[in-house]
Amino acid sequence: MTTTFTELQMSEQNFWEQFAPIPNHMAVHGSAYNDCMFETYGPELDFVANFDEKHVWTVLDCDGQMVIASGFHFVNRFGYLITLHPVPTGTSITVPDEDADLDTEDNA
């Protein structure tokens, strides 16, 4: 039996529209990513850990560029997002930070 695994990349706009991240109701002073990012420690991490991994996304620092990746990751994590809509089974999705690309071009 062969298992199919699909890796996709999508734009930030499509990510926000298709998966609908929920606001971080625990952040006292707001948070990054439209006030939707949860911390990697304490009560916010405990809250995220209670969700099915299909609804969890990790904001990662990949060699200085921020990337949103589906799933619960530990290495290079910057924070977590929780979405209303799940990632399809057998699918891994990454969302490059489009603003970081613009910053790099501006500084060249």
PDB file of N, CA and C in Angstrom:
ATOM      1  N   MET A   1       0.841  -1.176   0.000  1.00  0.00           N
ATOM      2  CA  MET A   1       0.000   0.000   0.000  1.00  0.00           C
ATOM      3  C   MET A   1       0.895   1.251   0.000  1.00  0.00           C
ATOM      4  N   THR A   2       0.677   2.144  -0.928  1.00  0.00           N
ATOM      5  CA  THR A   2       1.466   3.351  -1.062  1.00  0.00           C
ATOM      6  C   THR A   2       0.712   4.531  -0.453  1.00  0.00           C
ATOM      7  N   THR A   3       1.423   5.293   0.377  1.00  0.00           N
ATOM      8  CA  THR A   3       0.837   6.488   0.979  1.00  0.00           C
ATOM      9  C   THR A   3       1.317   7.706   0.201  1.00  0.00           C
ATOM     10  N   THR A   4       0.372   8.555  -0.202  1.00  0.00           N
ATOM     11  CA  THR A   4       0.714   9.762  -0.938  1.00  0.00           C
ATOM     12  C   THR A   4       0.844  10.921   0.034  1.00  0.00           C
ATOM     13  N   PHE A   5       1.923  11.677  -0.108  1.00  0.00           N
ATOM     14  CA  PHE A   5       2.158  12.849   0.717  1.00  0.00           C
ATOM     15  C   PHE A   5       2.387  14.025  -0.213  1.00  0.00           C
ATOM     16  N   THR A   6       1.646  15.098  -0.002  1.00  0.00           N
ATOM     17  CA  THR A   6       1.722  16.261  -0.874  1.00  0.00           C
ATOM     18  C   THR A   6       2.315  17.446  -0.128  1.00  0.00           C
ATOM     19  N   GLU A   7       3.299  18.105  -0.742  1.00  0.00           N
ATOM     20  CA  GLU A   7       3.878  19.325  -0.189  1.00  0.00           C
ATOM     21  C   GLU A   7       3.449  20.488  -1.071  1.00  0.00           C
ATOM     22  N   LEU A   8       2.853  21.513  -0.445  1.00  0.00           N
ATOM     23  CA  LEU A   8       2.361  22.675  -1.174  1.00  0.00           C
ATOM     24  C   LEU A   8       2.944  23.951  -0.593  1.00  0.00           C
ATOM     25  N   GLN A   9       2.958  24.985  -1.416  1.00  0.00           N
ATOM     26  CA  GLN A   9       3.323  26.319  -0.956  1.00  0.00           C
ATOM     27  C   GLN A   9       2.188  27.249  -1.378  1.00  0.00           C
ATOM     28  N   MET A  10       1.829  28.200  -0.514  1.00  0.00           N
ATOM     29  CA  MET A  10       0.761  29.137  -0.855  1.00  0.00           C
ATOM     30  C   MET A  10       1.100  30.530  -0.373  1.00  0.00           C
ATOM     31  N   SER A  11       0.392  31.502  -0.898  1.00  0.00           N
ATOM     32  CA  SER A  11       0.611  32.894  -0.510  1.00  0.00           C
ATOM     33  C   SER A  11      -0.018  33.149   0.857  1.00  0.00           C
ATOM     34  N   GLU A  12       0.446  34.203   1.504  1.00  0.00           N
ATOM     35  CA  GLU A  12      -0.137  34.580   2.801  1.00  0.00           C
ATOM     36  C   GLU A  12      -1.621  34.887   2.665  1.00  0.00           C
ATOM     37  N   GLN A  13      -1.997  35.599   1.625  1.00  0.00           N
ATOM     38  CA  GLN A  13      -3.408  35.949   1.430  1.00  0.00           C
ATOM     39  C   GLN A  13      -4.267  34.700   1.317  1.00  0.00           C
ATOM     40  N   ASN A  14      -3.819  33.721   0.522  1.00  0.00           N
ATOM     41  CA  ASN A  14      -4.574  32.476   0.403  1.00  0.00           C
ATOM     42  C   ASN A  14      -4.637  31.727   1.724  1.00  0.00           C
ATOM     43  N   PHE A  15      -3.530  31.745   2.475  1.00  0.00           N
ATOM     44  CA  PHE A  15      -3.515  31.101   3.794  1.00  0.00           C
ATOM     45  C   PHE A  15      -4.578  31.705   4.704  1.00  0.00           C
ATOM     46  N   TRP A  16      -4.603  33.044   4.815  1.00  0.00           N
ATOM     47  CA  TRP A  16      -5.562  33.707   5.700  1.00  0.00           C
ATOM     48  C   TRP A  16      -6.992  33.434   5.255  1.00  0.00           C
ATOM     49  N   GLU A  17      -7.237  33.436   3.958  1.00  0.00           N
ATOM     50  CA  GLU A  17      -8.597  33.209   3.445  1.00  0.00           C
ATOM     51  C   GLU A  17      -9.026  31.748   3.586  1.00  0.00           C
ATOM     52  N   GLN A  18      -8.147  30.822   3.265  1.00  0.00           N
ATOM     53  CA  GLN A  18      -8.510  29.407   3.238  1.00  0.00           C
ATOM     54  C   GLN A  18      -8.556  28.759   4.619  1.00  0.00           C
ATOM     55  N   PHE A  19      -7.626  29.141   5.514  1.00  0.00           N
ATOM     56  CA  PHE A  19      -7.541  28.438   6.792  1.00  0.00           C
ATOM     57  C   PHE A  19      -8.061  29.235   7.987  1.00  0.00           C
ATOM     58  N   ALA A  20      -8.202  30.546   7.872  1.00  0.00           N
ATOM     59  CA  ALA A  20      -8.816  31.406   8.885  1.00  0.00           C
ATOM     60  C   ALA A  20      -8.210  31.252  10.290  1.00  0.00           C
ATOM     61  N   PRO A  21      -6.999  31.793  10.514  1.00  0.00           N
ATOM     62  CA  PRO A  21      -6.411  31.753  11.855  1.00  0.00           C
ATOM     63  C   PRO A  21      -7.294  32.483  12.878  1.00  0.00           C
ATOM     64  N   ILE A  22      -7.323  31.932  14.095  1.00  0.00           N
ATOM     65  CA  ILE A  22      -8.132  32.537  15.152  1.00  0.00           C
ATOM     66  C   ILE A  22      -7.274  33.523  15.955  1.00  0.00           C
ATOM     67  N   PRO A  23      -7.885  34.573  16.483  1.00  0.00           N
ATOM     68  CA  PRO A  23      -7.137  35.532  17.305  1.00  0.00           C
ATOM     69  C   PRO A  23      -6.648  34.892  18.607  1.00  0.00           C
ATOM     70  N   ASN A  24      -5.499  35.378  19.078  1.00  0.00           N
ATOM     71  CA  ASN A  24      -4.970  34.939  20.361  1.00  0.00           C
ATOM     72  C   ASN A  24      -5.684  35.729  21.451  1.00  0.00           C
ATOM     73  N   HIS A  25      -6.636  35.093  22.093  1.00  0.00           N
ATOM     74  CA  HIS A  25      -7.435  35.738  23.140  1.00  0.00           C
ATOM     75  C   HIS A  25      -6.666  35.845  24.462  1.00  0.00           C
ATOM     76  N   MET A  26      -5.497  35.233  24.533  1.00  0.00           N
ATOM     77  CA  MET A  26      -4.720  35.216  25.777  1.00  0.00           C
ATOM     78  C   MET A  26      -3.679  36.335  25.839  1.00  0.00           C
ATOM     79  N   ALA A  27      -3.341  36.923  24.703  1.00  0.00           N
ATOM     80  CA  ALA A  27      -2.301  37.947  24.659  1.00  0.00           C
ATOM     81  C   ALA A  27      -2.820  39.244  25.273  1.00  0.00           C
ATOM     82  N   VAL A  28      -2.081  39.766  26.238  1.00  0.00           N
ATOM     83  CA  VAL A  28      -2.481  40.980  26.945  1.00  0.00           C
ATOM     84  C   VAL A  28      -2.315  42.212  26.058  1.00  0.00           C
ATOM     85  N   HIS A  29      -1.230  42.275  25.310  1.00  0.00           N
ATOM     86  CA  HIS A  29      -0.929  43.460  24.498  1.00  0.00           C
ATOM     87  C   HIS A  29      -0.940  43.162  23.010  1.00  0.00           C
ATOM     88  N   GLY A  30      -1.705  42.179  22.587  1.00  0.00           N
ATOM     89  CA  GLY A  30      -1.714  41.807  21.187  1.00  0.00           C
ATOM     90  C   GLY A  30      -0.539  40.895  20.860  1.00  0.00           C
ATOM     91  N   SER A  31      -0.533  40.386  19.646  1.00  0.00           N
ATOM     92  CA  SER A  31       0.551  39.517  19.218  1.00  0.00           C
ATOM     93  C   SER A  31       0.783  39.721  17.724  1.00  0.00           C
ATOM     94  N   ALA A  32       1.809  39.089  17.220  1.00  0.00           N
ATOM     95  CA  ALA A  32       2.144  39.206  15.803  1.00  0.00           C
ATOM     96  C   ALA A  32       1.124  38.471  14.937  1.00  0.00           C
ATOM     97  N   TYR A  33       1.262  38.624  13.657  1.00  0.00           N
ATOM     98  CA  TYR A  33       0.405  37.953  12.676  1.00  0.00           C
ATOM     99  C   TYR A  33      -1.076  38.250  12.950  1.00  0.00           C
ATOM    100  N   ASN A  34      -1.404  39.533  12.856  1.00  0.00           N
ATOM    101  CA  ASN A  34      -2.788  39.998  13.024  1.00  0.00           C
ATOM    102  C   ASN A  34      -3.380  39.594  14.377  1.00  0.00           C
ATOM    103  N   ASP A  35      -2.547  39.627  15.405  1.00  0.00           N
ATOM    104  CA  ASP A  35      -2.951  39.257  16.767  1.00  0.00           C
ATOM    105  C   ASP A  35      -3.400  37.800  16.879  1.00  0.00           C
ATOM    106  N   CYS A  36      -2.859  36.941  16.022  1.00  0.00           N
ATOM    107  CA  CYS A  36      -3.232  35.528  16.026  1.00  0.00           C
ATOM    108  C   CYS A  36      -2.123  34.602  16.529  1.00  0.00           C
ATOM    109  N   MET A  37      -0.913  35.099  16.707  1.00  0.00           N
ATOM    110  CA  MET A  37       0.187  34.217  17.088  1.00  0.00           C
ATOM    111  C   MET A  37       0.189  33.926  18.589  1.00  0.00           C
ATOM    112  N   PHE A  38       0.404  32.658  18.913  1.00  0.00           N
ATOM    113  CA  PHE A  38       0.511  32.194  20.295  1.00  0.00           C
ATOM    114  C   PHE A  38       1.977  31.947  20.617  1.00  0.00           C
ATOM    115  N   GLU A  39       2.363  32.174  21.868  1.00  0.00           N
ATOM    116  CA  GLU A  39       3.739  31.994  22.326  1.00  0.00           C
ATOM    117  C   GLU A  39       4.135  30.525  22.348  1.00  0.00           C
ATOM    118  N   THR A  40       5.438  30.288  22.507  1.00  0.00           N
ATOM    119  CA  THR A  40       5.999  28.934  22.501  1.00  0.00           C
ATOM    120  C   THR A  40       6.228  28.387  23.907  1.00  0.00           C
ATOM    121  N   TYR A  41       5.636  29.023  24.898  1.00  0.00           N
ATOM    122  CA  TYR A  41       5.836  28.599  26.292  1.00  0.00           C
ATOM    123  C   TYR A  41       4.597  28.957  27.121  1.00  0.00           C
ATOM    124  N   GLY A  42       4.528  28.402  28.311  1.00  0.00           N
ATOM    125  CA  GLY A  42       3.507  28.753  29.286  1.00  0.00           C
ATOM    126  C   GLY A  42       2.086  28.403  28.866  1.00  0.00           C
ATOM    127  N   PRO A  43       1.117  29.160  29.383  1.00  0.00           N
ATOM    128  CA  PRO A  43      -0.293  28.870  29.126  1.00  0.00           C
ATOM    129  C   PRO A  43      -0.675  28.902  27.642  1.00  0.00           C
ATOM    130  N   GLU A  44      -0.005  29.768  26.861  1.00  0.00           N
ATOM    131  CA  GLU A  44      -0.336  29.829  25.430  1.00  0.00           C
ATOM    132  C   GLU A  44       0.092  28.543  24.724  1.00  0.00           C
ATOM    133  N   LEU A  45       1.269  28.020  25.052  1.00  0.00           N
ATOM    134  CA  LEU A  45       1.701  26.745  24.475  1.00  0.00           C
ATOM    135  C   LEU A  45       0.772  25.622  24.922  1.00  0.00           C
ATOM    136  N   ASP A  46       0.384  25.616  26.181  1.00  0.00           N
ATOM    137  CA  ASP A  46      -0.551  24.600  26.678  1.00  0.00           C
ATOM    138  C   ASP A  46      -1.862  24.641  25.903  1.00  0.00           C
ATOM    139  N   PHE A  47      -2.347  25.847  25.606  1.00  0.00           N
ATOM    140  CA  PHE A  47      -3.580  26.021  24.848  1.00  0.00           C
ATOM    141  C   PHE A  47      -3.418  25.431  23.442  1.00  0.00           C
ATOM    142  N   VAL A  48      -2.325  25.763  22.776  1.00  0.00           N
ATOM    143  CA  VAL A  48      -2.070  25.277  21.411  1.00  0.00           C
ATOM    144  C   VAL A  48      -1.957  23.760  21.393  1.00  0.00           C
ATOM    145  N   ALA A  49      -1.287  23.191  22.394  1.00  0.00           N
ATOM    146  CA  ALA A  49      -1.041  21.752  22.442  1.00  0.00           C
ATOM    147  C   ALA A  49      -2.330  20.937  22.548  1.00  0.00           C
ATOM    148  N   ASN A  50      -3.425  21.557  22.941  1.00  0.00           N
ATOM    149  CA  ASN A  50      -4.700  20.851  23.064  1.00  0.00           C
ATOM    150  C   ASN A  50      -5.450  20.728  21.740  1.00  0.00           C
ATOM    151  N   PHE A  51      -4.939  21.335  20.685  1.00  0.00           N
ATOM    152  CA  PHE A  51      -5.608  21.286  19.388  1.00  0.00           C
ATOM    153  C   PHE A  51      -5.063  20.152  18.533  1.00  0.00           C
ATOM    154  N   ASP A  52      -5.910  19.633  17.665  1.00  0.00           N
ATOM    155  CA  ASP A  52      -5.484  18.655  16.668  1.00  0.00           C
ATOM    156  C   ASP A  52      -4.424  19.312  15.792  1.00  0.00           C
ATOM    157  N   GLU A  53      -3.353  18.587  15.490  1.00  0.00           N
ATOM    158  CA  GLU A  53      -2.239  19.149  14.729  1.00  0.00           C
ATOM    159  C   GLU A  53      -2.671  19.662  13.357  1.00  0.00           C
ATOM    160  N   LYS A  54      -3.770  19.182  12.826  1.00  0.00           N
ATOM    161  CA  LYS A  54      -4.265  19.658  11.525  1.00  0.00           C
ATOM    162  C   LYS A  54      -4.704  21.118  11.581  1.00  0.00           C
ATOM    163  N   HIS A  55      -4.916  21.639  12.785  1.00  0.00           N
ATOM    164  CA  HIS A  55      -5.330  23.031  12.972  1.00  0.00           C
ATOM    165  C   HIS A  55      -4.191  23.913  13.478  1.00  0.00           C
ATOM    166  N   VAL A  56      -3.010  23.322  13.697  1.00  0.00           N
ATOM    167  CA  VAL A  56      -1.869  24.062  14.255  1.00  0.00           C
ATOM    168  C   VAL A  56      -0.853  24.342  13.159  1.00  0.00           C
ATOM    169  N   TRP A  57      -0.344  25.571  13.156  1.00  0.00           N
ATOM    170  CA  TRP A  57       0.696  26.009  12.226  1.00  0.00           C
ATOM    171  C   TRP A  57       1.816  26.615  13.065  1.00  0.00           C
ATOM    172  N   THR A  58       3.054  26.451  12.611  1.00  0.00           N
ATOM    173  CA  THR A  58       4.203  26.991  13.330  1.00  0.00           C
ATOM    174  C   THR A  58       4.835  28.099  12.504  1.00  0.00           C
ATOM    175  N   VAL A  59       5.082  29.238  13.153  1.00  0.00           N
ATOM    176  CA  VAL A  59       5.830  30.324  12.530  1.00  0.00           C
ATOM    177  C   VAL A  59       7.296  30.015  12.803  1.00  0.00           C
ATOM    178  N   LEU A  60       8.059  29.818  11.728  1.00  0.00           N
ATOM    179  CA  LEU A  60       9.451  29.393  11.835  1.00  0.00           C
ATOM    180  C   LEU A  60      10.401  30.465  11.314  1.00  0.00           C
ATOM    181  N   ASP A  61      11.577  30.510  11.920  1.00  0.00           N
ATOM    182  CA  ASP A  61      12.655  31.342  11.407  1.00  0.00           C
ATOM    183  C   ASP A  61      13.575  30.408  10.623  1.00  0.00           C
ATOM    184  N   CYS A  62      13.525  30.505   9.308  1.00  0.00           N
ATOM    185  CA  CYS A  62      14.343  29.657   8.437  1.00  0.00           C
ATOM    186  C   CYS A  62      15.427  30.504   7.796  1.00  0.00           C
ATOM    187  N   ASP A  63      16.604  30.492   8.402  1.00  0.00           N
ATOM    188  CA  ASP A  63      17.746  31.274   7.899  1.00  0.00           C
ATOM    189  C   ASP A  63      17.399  32.746   7.729  1.00  0.00           C
ATOM    190  N   GLY A  64      16.720  33.295   8.712  1.00  0.00           N
ATOM    191  CA  GLY A  64      16.396  34.713   8.703  1.00  0.00           C
ATOM    192  C   GLY A  64      15.111  35.076   8.000  1.00  0.00           C
ATOM    193  N   GLN A  65      14.444  34.120   7.374  1.00  0.00           N
ATOM    194  CA  GLN A  65      13.162  34.389   6.737  1.00  0.00           C
ATOM    195  C   GLN A  65      12.059  33.688   7.536  1.00  0.00           C
ATOM    196  N   MET A  66      10.994  34.419   7.816  1.00  0.00           N
ATOM    197  CA  MET A  66       9.870  33.831   8.535  1.00  0.00           C
ATOM    198  C   MET A  66       9.011  33.027   7.560  1.00  0.00           C
ATOM    199  N   VAL A  67       8.619  31.838   8.003  1.00  0.00           N
ATOM    200  CA  VAL A  67       7.789  30.937   7.201  1.00  0.00           C
ATOM    201  C   VAL A  67       6.721  30.372   8.117  1.00  0.00           C
ATOM    202  N   ILE A  68       5.508  30.268   7.621  1.00  0.00           N
ATOM    203  CA  ILE A  68       4.435  29.594   8.345  1.00  0.00           C
ATOM    204  C   ILE A  68       4.344  28.185   7.778  1.00  0.00           C
ATOM    205  N   ALA A  69       4.456  27.180   8.643  1.00  0.00           N
ATOM    206  CA  ALA A  69       4.422  25.788   8.197  1.00  0.00           C
ATOM    207  C   ALA A  69       3.317  25.036   8.933  1.00  0.00           C
ATOM    208  N   SER A  70       2.589  24.231   8.195  1.00  0.00           N
ATOM    209  CA  SER A  70       1.530  23.444   8.821  1.00  0.00           C
ATOM    210  C   SER A  70       2.138  22.463   9.810  1.00  0.00           C
ATOM    211  N   GLY A  71       1.437  22.249  10.911  1.00  0.00           N
ATOM    212  CA  GLY A  71       1.889  21.293  11.906  1.00  0.00           C
ATOM    213  C   GLY A  71       2.555  21.940  13.108  1.00  0.00           C
ATOM    214  N   PHE A  72       2.864  21.105  14.071  1.00  0.00           N
ATOM    215  CA  PHE A  72       3.436  21.500  15.349  1.00  0.00           C
ATOM    216  C   PHE A  72       4.931  21.207  15.307  1.00  0.00           C
ATOM    217  N   HIS A  73       5.750  22.247  15.157  1.00  0.00           N
ATOM    218  CA  HIS A  73       7.198  22.085  15.055  1.00  0.00           C
ATOM    219  C   HIS A  73       7.872  22.690  16.298  1.00  0.00           C
ATOM    220  N   PHE A  74       9.069  22.190  16.618  1.00  0.00           N
ATOM    221  CA  PHE A  74       9.804  22.698  17.774  1.00  0.00           C
ATOM    222  C   PHE A  74      11.066  23.465  17.386  1.00  0.00           C
ATOM    223  N   VAL A  75      11.779  23.001  16.377  1.00  0.00           N
ATOM    224  CA  VAL A  75      13.049  23.608  15.989  1.00  0.00           C
ATOM    225  C   VAL A  75      12.796  24.912  15.235  1.00  0.00           C
ATOM    226  N   ASN A  76      13.492  25.966  15.636  1.00  0.00           N
ATOM    227  CA  ASN A  76      13.409  27.286  15.001  1.00  0.00           C
ATOM    228  C   ASN A  76      12.016  27.924  15.091  1.00  0.00           C
ATOM    229  N   ARG A  77      11.245  27.517  16.051  1.00  0.00           N
ATOM    230  CA  ARG A  77       9.883  28.064  16.176  1.00  0.00           C
ATOM    231  C   ARG A  77       9.910  29.472  16.750  1.00  0.00           C
ATOM    232  N   PHE A  78       9.034  30.290  16.230  1.00  0.00           N
ATOM    233  CA  PHE A  78       8.887  31.674  16.676  1.00  0.00           C
ATOM    234  C   PHE A  78       7.544  31.837  17.383  1.00  0.00           C
ATOM    235  N   GLY A  79       6.562  31.037  16.985  1.00  0.00           N
ATOM    236  CA  GLY A  79       5.227  31.086  17.569  1.00  0.00           C
ATOM    237  C   GLY A  79       4.316  30.107  16.848  1.00  0.00           C
ATOM    238  N   TYR A  80       3.049  30.085  17.271  1.00  0.00           N
ATOM    239  CA  TYR A  80       2.075  29.167  16.684  1.00  0.00           C
ATOM    240  C   TYR A  80       0.817  29.908  16.265  1.00  0.00           C
ATOM    241  N   LEU A  81       0.146  29.372  15.257  1.00  0.00           N
ATOM    242  CA  LEU A  81      -1.162  29.849  14.822  1.00  0.00           C
ATOM    243  C   LEU A  81      -2.118  28.673  14.894  1.00  0.00           C
ATOM    244  N   ILE A  82      -3.367  28.952  15.200  1.00  0.00           N
ATOM    245  CA  ILE A  82      -4.412  27.937  15.210  1.00  0.00           C
ATOM    246  C   ILE A  82      -5.458  28.369  14.191  1.00  0.00           C
ATOM    247  N   THR A  83      -5.874  27.449  13.327  1.00  0.00           N
ATOM    248  CA  THR A  83      -6.826  27.804  12.278  1.00  0.00           C
ATOM    249  C   THR A  83      -8.170  27.105  12.469  1.00  0.00           C
ATOM    250  N   LEU A  84      -9.205  27.756  11.952  1.00  0.00           N
ATOM    251  CA  LEU A  84     -10.547  27.168  12.002  1.00  0.00           C
ATOM    252  C   LEU A  84     -10.639  25.943  11.104  1.00  0.00           C
ATOM    253  N   HIS A  85      -9.968  26.005   9.968  1.00  0.00           N
ATOM    254  CA  HIS A  85     -10.058  24.932   8.979  1.00  0.00           C
ATOM    255  C   HIS A  85      -8.784  24.103   8.988  1.00  0.00           C
ATOM    256  N   PRO A  86      -8.919  22.770   8.941  1.00  0.00           N
ATOM    257  CA  PRO A  86      -7.749  21.891   9.037  1.00  0.00           C
ATOM    258  C   PRO A  86      -6.974  21.755   7.728  1.00  0.00           C
ATOM    259  N   VAL A  87      -5.715  21.384   7.864  1.00  0.00           N
ATOM    260  CA  VAL A  87      -4.897  21.013   6.718  1.00  0.00           C
ATOM    261  C   VAL A  87      -5.362  19.626   6.280  1.00  0.00           C
ATOM    262  N   PRO A  88      -5.542  19.395   4.983  1.00  0.00           N
ATOM    263  CA  PRO A  88      -5.959  18.062   4.533  1.00  0.00           C
ATOM    264  C   PRO A  88      -4.958  16.981   4.946  1.00  0.00           C
ATOM    265  N   THR A  89      -5.453  15.827   5.263  1.00  0.00           N
ATOM    266  CA  THR A  89      -4.608  14.695   5.631  1.00  0.00           C
ATOM    267  C   THR A  89      -3.613  14.403   4.510  1.00  0.00           C
ATOM    268  N   GLY A  90      -2.371  14.137   4.889  1.00  0.00           N
ATOM    269  CA  GLY A  90      -1.345  13.812   3.915  1.00  0.00           C
ATOM    270  C   GLY A  90      -0.782  15.016   3.175  1.00  0.00           C
ATOM    271  N   THR A  91      -1.017  16.223   3.730  1.00  0.00           N
ATOM    272  CA  THR A  91      -0.564  17.447   3.075  1.00  0.00           C
ATOM    273  C   THR A  91       0.281  18.274   4.035  1.00  0.00           C
ATOM    274  N   SER A  92       1.381  18.810   3.528  1.00  0.00           N
ATOM    275  CA  SER A  92       2.237  19.734   4.257  1.00  0.00           C
ATOM    276  C   SER A  92       2.238  21.041   3.463  1.00  0.00           C
ATOM    277  N   ILE A  93       1.986  22.162   4.145  1.00  0.00           N
ATOM    278  CA  ILE A  93       1.895  23.448   3.466  1.00  0.00           C
ATOM    279  C   ILE A  93       2.858  24.430   4.112  1.00  0.00           C
ATOM    280  N   THR A  94       3.572  25.188   3.283  1.00  0.00           N
ATOM    281  CA  THR A  94       4.404  26.267   3.777  1.00  0.00           C
ATOM    282  C   THR A  94       3.942  27.578   3.152  1.00  0.00           C
ATOM    283  N   VAL A  95       4.079  28.639   3.945  1.00  0.00           N
ATOM    284  CA  VAL A  95       3.667  29.982   3.532  1.00  0.00           C
ATOM    285  C   VAL A  95       4.835  30.922   3.787  1.00  0.00           C
ATOM    286  N   PRO A  96       5.582  31.291   2.751  1.00  0.00           N
ATOM    287  CA  PRO A  96       6.692  32.229   2.942  1.00  0.00           C
ATOM    288  C   PRO A  96       6.172  33.602   3.344  1.00  0.00           C
ATOM    289  N   ASP A  97       6.940  34.302   4.179  1.00  0.00           N
ATOM    290  CA  ASP A  97       6.593  35.660   4.577  1.00  0.00           C
ATOM    291  C   ASP A  97       6.928  36.581   3.413  1.00  0.00           C
ATOM    292  N   GLU A  98       5.910  37.038   2.731  1.00  0.00           N
ATOM    293  CA  GLU A  98       6.105  37.866   1.539  1.00  0.00           C
ATOM    294  C   GLU A  98       6.747  39.203   1.876  1.00  0.00           C
ATOM    295  N   ASP A  99       6.515  39.726   3.069  1.00  0.00           N
ATOM    296  CA  ASP A  99       7.128  40.991   3.472  1.00  0.00           C
ATOM    297  C   ASP A  99       8.639  40.849   3.610  1.00  0.00           C
ATOM    298  N   ALA A 100       9.099  39.686   4.060  1.00  0.00           N
ATOM    299  CA  ALA A 100      10.538  39.457   4.217  1.00  0.00           C
ATOM    300  C   ALA A 100      11.234  39.510   2.862  1.00  0.00           C
ATOM    301  N   ASP A 101      10.586  38.972   1.831  1.00  0.00           N
ATOM    302  CA  ASP A 101      11.162  39.030   0.493  1.00  0.00           C
ATOM    303  C   ASP A 101      11.299  40.475   0.032  1.00  0.00           C
ATOM    304  N   LEU A 102      10.304  41.292   0.315  1.00  0.00           N
ATOM    305  CA  LEU A 102      10.344  42.693  -0.076  1.00  0.00           C
ATOM    306  C   LEU A 102      11.455  43.424   0.667  1.00  0.00           C
ATOM    307  N   ASP A 103      11.619  43.111   1.963  1.00  0.00           N
ATOM    308  CA  ASP A 103      12.660  43.757   2.762  1.00  0.00           C
ATOM    309  C   ASP A 103      14.035  43.427   2.205  1.00  0.00           C
ATOM    310  N   THR A 104      14.234  42.187   1.801  1.00  0.00           N
ATOM    311  CA  THR A 104      15.515  41.753   1.254  1.00  0.00           C
ATOM    312  C   THR A 104      15.815  42.506  -0.041  1.00  0.00           C
ATOM    313  N   GLU A 105      14.801  42.623  -0.909  1.00  0.00           N
ATOM    314  CA  GLU A 105      14.996  43.322  -2.171  1.00  0.00           C
ATOM    315  C   GLU A 105      15.293  44.802  -1.945  1.00  0.00           C
ATOM    316  N   ASP A 106      14.618  45.413  -0.974  1.00  0.00           N
ATOM    317  CA  ASP A 106      14.812  46.821  -0.691  1.00  0.00           C
ATOM    318  C   ASP A 106      16.223  47.109  -0.176  1.00  0.00           C
ATOM    319  N   ASN A 107      16.812  46.135   0.533  1.00  0.00           N
ATOM    320  CA  ASN A 107      18.118  46.340   1.136  1.00  0.00           C
ATOM    321  C   ASN A 107      19.264  45.946   0.201  1.00  0.00           C
ATOM    322  N   ALA A 108      18.950  45.428  -0.958  1.00  0.00           N
ATOM    323  CA  ALA A 108      20.011  44.960  -1.878  1.00  0.00           C
ATOM    324  C   ALA A 108      20.662  46.119  -2.601  1.00  0.00           C
TER     325      ALA A 108
END
